[in-house]
Amino acid sequence: MQSTDLSMVFSALADPTRRAILARLSNGEAPVKDLAAPFALSGPAITKHLKVLERAGLISRSRDGQQRPCRIEPGALEPAADWIEGFRAMWEERLDRLDAYLKSVVPQPAALAPETKTKKTIRKRPRTRTARRERHGIKK
């Protein structure tokens, strides 16, 4: 599948109405009237959604008298799934390497860890002579 075809598939799947239509068609063939029933959309709006799905190759429509039943095309999502699968494999490999690294860097238990020196608090010296004398216990 070319990248433009893949873009059309993802573009078609970007809309929640079109995803709902595909979900309904996964149960079997349905006429346009049945597909439009759950939505508060006009007939022309539903037809536009169906045309987008059809151009992306996700559905096909046929003529049965005055009805135009739609059916999902089972293999249409395979190229998109393959494309996503490549990224899934890459991320799994990266996460496996990260997991192995984190397991190799085992932290020391608290009992065996070297004691850390606590930082001494530095007191500011009093600025006046009287305060210094009081601090050192010197009487005037």
C-alpha atoms as a PDB file:
ATOM      1  CA  MET A   1       0.000   0.000   0.000  1.00  0.00           C
ATOM      2  CA  GLN A   2       1.322   3.431  -0.878  1.00  0.00           C
ATOM      3  CA  SER A   3       1.693   6.119   1.752  1.00  0.00           C
ATOM      4  CA  THR A   4      -1.172   8.120   0.219  1.00  0.00           C
ATOM      5  CA  ASP A   5      -3.454   5.081   0.573  1.00  0.00           C
ATOM      6  CA  LEU A   6      -2.315   4.628   4.149  1.00  0.00           C
ATOM      7  CA  SER A   7      -3.003   8.315   4.822  1.00  0.00           C
ATOM      8  CA  MET A   8      -6.491   7.919   3.405  1.00  0.00           C
ATOM      9  CA  VAL A   9      -7.156   4.947   5.691  1.00  0.00           C
ATOM     10  CA  PHE A  10      -6.007   6.843   8.794  1.00  0.00           C
ATOM     11  CA  SER A  11      -7.911   9.928   7.689  1.00  0.00           C
ATOM     12  CA  ALA A  12     -11.066   7.863   7.279  1.00  0.00           C
ATOM     13  CA  LEU A  13     -10.567   6.309  10.707  1.00  0.00           C
ATOM     14  CA  ALA A  14     -10.018   9.702  12.343  1.00  0.00           C
ATOM     15  CA  ASP A  15     -13.738  10.469  12.483  1.00  0.00           C
ATOM     16  CA  PRO A  16     -15.815   8.831  15.252  1.00  0.00           C
ATOM     17  CA  THR A  17     -18.897   8.618  13.009  1.00  0.00           C
ATOM     18  CA  ARG A  18     -16.970   6.654  10.393  1.00  0.00           C
ATOM     19  CA  ARG A  19     -15.514   4.372  13.059  1.00  0.00           C
ATOM     20  CA  ALA A  20     -19.050   3.717  14.347  1.00  0.00           C
ATOM     21  CA  ILE A  21     -20.188   2.905  10.814  1.00  0.00           C
ATOM     22  CA  LEU A  22     -17.315   0.429  10.447  1.00  0.00           C
ATOM     23  CA  ALA A  23     -18.190  -1.121  13.805  1.00  0.00           C
ATOM     24  CA  ARG A  24     -21.772  -1.599  12.638  1.00  0.00           C
ATOM     25  CA  LEU A  25     -20.617  -3.108   9.334  1.00  0.00           C
ATOM     26  CA  SER A  26     -18.392  -5.559  11.182  1.00  0.00           C
ATOM     27  CA  ASN A  27     -21.643  -7.332  12.147  1.00  0.00           C
ATOM     28  CA  GLY A  28     -22.613  -7.734   8.501  1.00  0.00           C
ATOM     29  CA  GLU A  29     -23.911  -5.952   5.437  1.00  0.00           C
ATOM     30  CA  ALA A  30     -26.341  -3.061   6.003  1.00  0.00           C
ATOM     31  CA  PRO A  31     -28.258  -0.575   3.850  1.00  0.00           C
ATOM     32  CA  VAL A  32     -27.440   3.124   4.095  1.00  0.00           C
ATOM     33  CA  LYS A  33     -30.757   3.786   5.854  1.00  0.00           C
ATOM     34  CA  ASP A  34     -29.803   1.422   8.704  1.00  0.00           C
ATOM     35  CA  LEU A  35     -26.328   2.915   8.953  1.00  0.00           C
ATOM     36  CA  ALA A  36     -27.755   6.441   9.217  1.00  0.00           C
ATOM     37  CA  ALA A  37     -30.342   5.576  11.901  1.00  0.00           C
ATOM     38  CA  PRO A  38     -28.183   6.025  15.046  1.00  0.00           C
ATOM     39  CA  PHE A  39     -26.822   9.402  13.943  1.00  0.00           C
ATOM     40  CA  ALA A  40     -28.468  12.818  13.989  1.00  0.00           C
ATOM     41  CA  LEU A  41     -27.071  13.557  10.518  1.00  0.00           C
ATOM     42  CA  SER A  42     -28.717  14.316   7.219  1.00  0.00           C
ATOM     43  CA  GLY A  43     -28.720  11.794   4.386  1.00  0.00           C
ATOM     44  CA  PRO A  44     -26.118  13.757   2.391  1.00  0.00           C
ATOM     45  CA  ALA A  45     -23.826  13.917   5.444  1.00  0.00           C
ATOM     46  CA  ILE A  46     -23.970  10.126   5.880  1.00  0.00           C
ATOM     47  CA  THR A  47     -23.348   9.700   2.154  1.00  0.00           C
ATOM     48  CA  LYS A  48     -20.214  11.851   2.440  1.00  0.00           C
ATOM     49  CA  HIS A  49     -18.948   9.683   5.303  1.00  0.00           C
ATOM     50  CA  LEU A  50     -19.601   6.548   3.248  1.00  0.00           C
ATOM     51  CA  LYS A  51     -17.754   8.005   0.268  1.00  0.00           C
ATOM     52  CA  VAL A  52     -14.707   8.718   2.427  1.00  0.00           C
ATOM     53  CA  LEU A  53     -14.761   5.134   3.703  1.00  0.00           C
ATOM     54  CA  GLU A  54     -15.223   3.836   0.170  1.00  0.00           C
ATOM     55  CA  ARG A  55     -12.348   5.922  -1.252  1.00  0.00           C
ATOM     56  CA  ALA A  56     -10.100   4.589   1.509  1.00  0.00           C
ATOM     57  CA  GLY A  57     -11.092   1.065   0.499  1.00  0.00           C
ATOM     58  CA  LEU A  58     -12.614   0.256   3.877  1.00  0.00           C
ATOM     59  CA  ILE A  59     -16.114  -0.446   2.555  1.00  0.00           C
ATOM     60  CA  SER A  60     -17.785  -1.281  -0.728  1.00  0.00           C
ATOM     61  CA  ARG A  61     -21.315  -0.520  -1.855  1.00  0.00           C
ATOM     62  CA  SER A  62     -23.509  -2.410  -4.262  1.00  0.00           C
ATOM     63  CA  ARG A  63     -26.950  -1.933  -5.735  1.00  0.00           C
ATOM     64  CA  ASP A  64     -29.855  -4.098  -4.717  1.00  0.00           C
ATOM     65  CA  GLY A  65     -32.937  -2.602  -6.337  1.00  0.00           C
ATOM     66  CA  GLN A  66     -33.338   0.811  -4.776  1.00  0.00           C
ATOM     67  CA  GLN A  67     -31.130   0.032  -1.790  1.00  0.00           C
ATOM     68  CA  ARG A  68     -27.372   0.442  -1.689  1.00  0.00           C
ATOM     69  CA  PRO A  69     -26.118  -2.038   0.892  1.00  0.00           C
ATOM     70  CA  CYS A  70     -22.639  -1.463   2.295  1.00  0.00           C
ATOM     71  CA  ARG A  71     -20.169  -4.085   3.428  1.00  0.00           C
ATOM     72  CA  ILE A  72     -16.848  -3.854   5.144  1.00  0.00           C
ATOM     73  CA  GLU A  73     -13.776  -4.894   3.166  1.00  0.00           C
ATOM     74  CA  PRO A  74     -11.983  -7.380   5.441  1.00  0.00           C
ATOM     75  CA  GLY A  75      -8.445  -6.885   4.150  1.00  0.00           C
ATOM     76  CA  ALA A  76      -8.554  -3.110   3.960  1.00  0.00           C
ATOM     77  CA  LEU A  77      -7.085  -2.537   7.434  1.00  0.00           C
ATOM     78  CA  GLU A  78      -4.199  -4.995   7.018  1.00  0.00           C
ATOM     79  CA  PRO A  79      -1.702  -2.469   5.569  1.00  0.00           C
ATOM     80  CA  ALA A  80      -2.473  -0.035   8.405  1.00  0.00           C
ATOM     81  CA  ALA A  81      -2.129  -2.837  10.964  1.00  0.00           C
ATOM     82  CA  ASP A  82       1.196  -3.885   9.396  1.00  0.00           C
ATOM     83  CA  TRP A  83       2.461  -0.312   9.535  1.00  0.00           C
ATOM     84  CA  ILE A  84       1.484  -0.017  13.215  1.00  0.00           C
ATOM     85  CA  GLU A  85       2.977  -3.451  13.930  1.00  0.00           C
ATOM     86  CA  GLY A  86       6.412  -2.208  12.839  1.00  0.00           C
ATOM     87  CA  PHE A  87       6.309   0.486  15.485  1.00  0.00           C
ATOM     88  CA  ARG A  88       4.979  -1.897  18.124  1.00  0.00           C
ATOM     89  CA  ALA A  89       7.910  -4.228  17.519  1.00  0.00           C
ATOM     90  CA  MET A  90      10.377  -1.334  17.749  1.00  0.00           C
ATOM     91  CA  TRP A  91       8.927  -0.088  21.054  1.00  0.00           C
ATOM     92  CA  GLU A  92       8.814  -3.571  22.545  1.00  0.00           C
ATOM     93  CA  GLU A  93      12.497  -4.033  21.710  1.00  0.00           C
ATOM     94  CA  ARG A  94      13.398  -0.684  23.255  1.00  0.00           C
ATOM     95  CA  LEU A  95      11.382  -1.370  26.388  1.00  0.00           C
ATOM     96  CA  ASP A  96      12.952  -4.836  26.712  1.00  0.00           C
ATOM     97  CA  ARG A  97      16.425  -3.259  26.564  1.00  0.00           C
ATOM     98  CA  LEU A  98      15.419  -0.686  29.175  1.00  0.00           C
ATOM     99  CA  ASP A  99      14.051  -3.454  31.398  1.00  0.00           C
ATOM    100  CA  ALA A 100      17.305  -5.430  31.094  1.00  0.00           C
ATOM    101  CA  TYR A 101      19.348  -2.334  31.949  1.00  0.00           C
ATOM    102  CA  LEU A 102      17.232  -1.494  34.974  1.00  0.00           C
ATOM    103  CA  LYS A 103      17.538  -5.058  36.236  1.00  0.00           C
ATOM    104  CA  SER A 104      21.333  -4.860  35.878  1.00  0.00           C
ATOM    105  CA  VAL A 105      21.492  -1.728  38.001  1.00  0.00           C
ATOM    106  CA  VAL A 106      20.355  -3.237  41.277  1.00  0.00           C
ATOM    107  CA  PRO A 107      20.203  -0.710  44.107  1.00  0.00           C
ATOM    108  CA  GLN A 108      22.023  -1.601  47.324  1.00  0.00           C
ATOM    109  CA  PRO A 109      19.819  -2.528  50.261  1.00  0.00           C
ATOM    110  CA  ALA A 110      19.595   0.167  52.916  1.00  0.00           C
ATOM    111  CA  ALA A 111      21.558  -1.909  55.484  1.00  0.00           C
ATOM    112  CA  LEU A 112      24.557  -2.263  53.151  1.00  0.00           C
ATOM    113  CA  ALA A 113      24.512   1.228  51.747  1.00  0.00           C
ATOM    114  CA  PRO A 114      27.388   3.452  52.922  1.00  0.00           C
ATOM    115  CA  GLU A 115      26.386   6.046  55.435  1.00  0.00           C
ATOM    116  CA  THR A 116      25.929   9.434  53.972  1.00  0.00           C
ATOM    117  CA  LYS A 117      27.174  12.440  55.833  1.00  0.00           C
ATOM    118  CA  THR A 118      24.529  14.855  56.848  1.00  0.00           C
ATOM    119  CA  LYS A 119      25.021  18.403  55.837  1.00  0.00           C
ATOM    120  CA  LYS A 120      25.862  20.666  58.750  1.00  0.00           C
ATOM    121  CA  THR A 121      23.726  23.653  59.148  1.00  0.00           C
ATOM    122  CA  ILE A 122      25.767  26.810  59.135  1.00  0.00           C
ATOM    123  CA  ARG A 123      24.660  29.360  61.621  1.00  0.00           C
ATOM    124  CA  LYS A 124      25.010  32.951  60.750  1.00  0.00           C
ATOM    125  CA  ARG A 125      27.197  34.886  63.119  1.00  0.00           C
ATOM    126  CA  PRO A 126      25.584  37.677  65.008  1.00  0.00           C
ATOM    127  CA  ARG A 127      26.563  41.045  63.635  1.00  0.00           C
ATOM    128  CA  THR A 128      26.610  43.039  66.841  1.00  0.00           C
ATOM    129  CA  ARG A 129      29.257  42.870  69.579  1.00  0.00           C
ATOM    130  CA  THR A 130      26.635  42.359  72.212  1.00  0.00           C
ATOM    131  CA  ALA A 131      25.237  39.341  70.405  1.00  0.00           C
ATOM    132  CA  ARG A 132      28.749  37.898  69.996  1.00  0.00           C
ATOM    133  CA  ARG A 133      29.523  38.398  73.661  1.00  0.00           C
ATOM    134  CA  GLU A 134      26.258  36.713  74.636  1.00  0.00           C
ATOM    135  CA  ARG A 135      27.030  33.819  72.340  1.00  0.00           C
ATOM    136  CA  HIS A 136      30.483  33.286  73.850  1.00  0.00           C
ATOM    137  CA  GLY A 137      29.386  34.001  77.419  1.00  0.00           C
ATOM    138  CA  ILE A 138      31.527  37.120  77.815  1.00  0.00           C
ATOM    139  CA  LYS A 139      30.311  39.676  80.272  1.00  0.00           C
ATOM    140  CA  LYS A 140      30.843  43.351  79.731  1.00  0.00           C
END
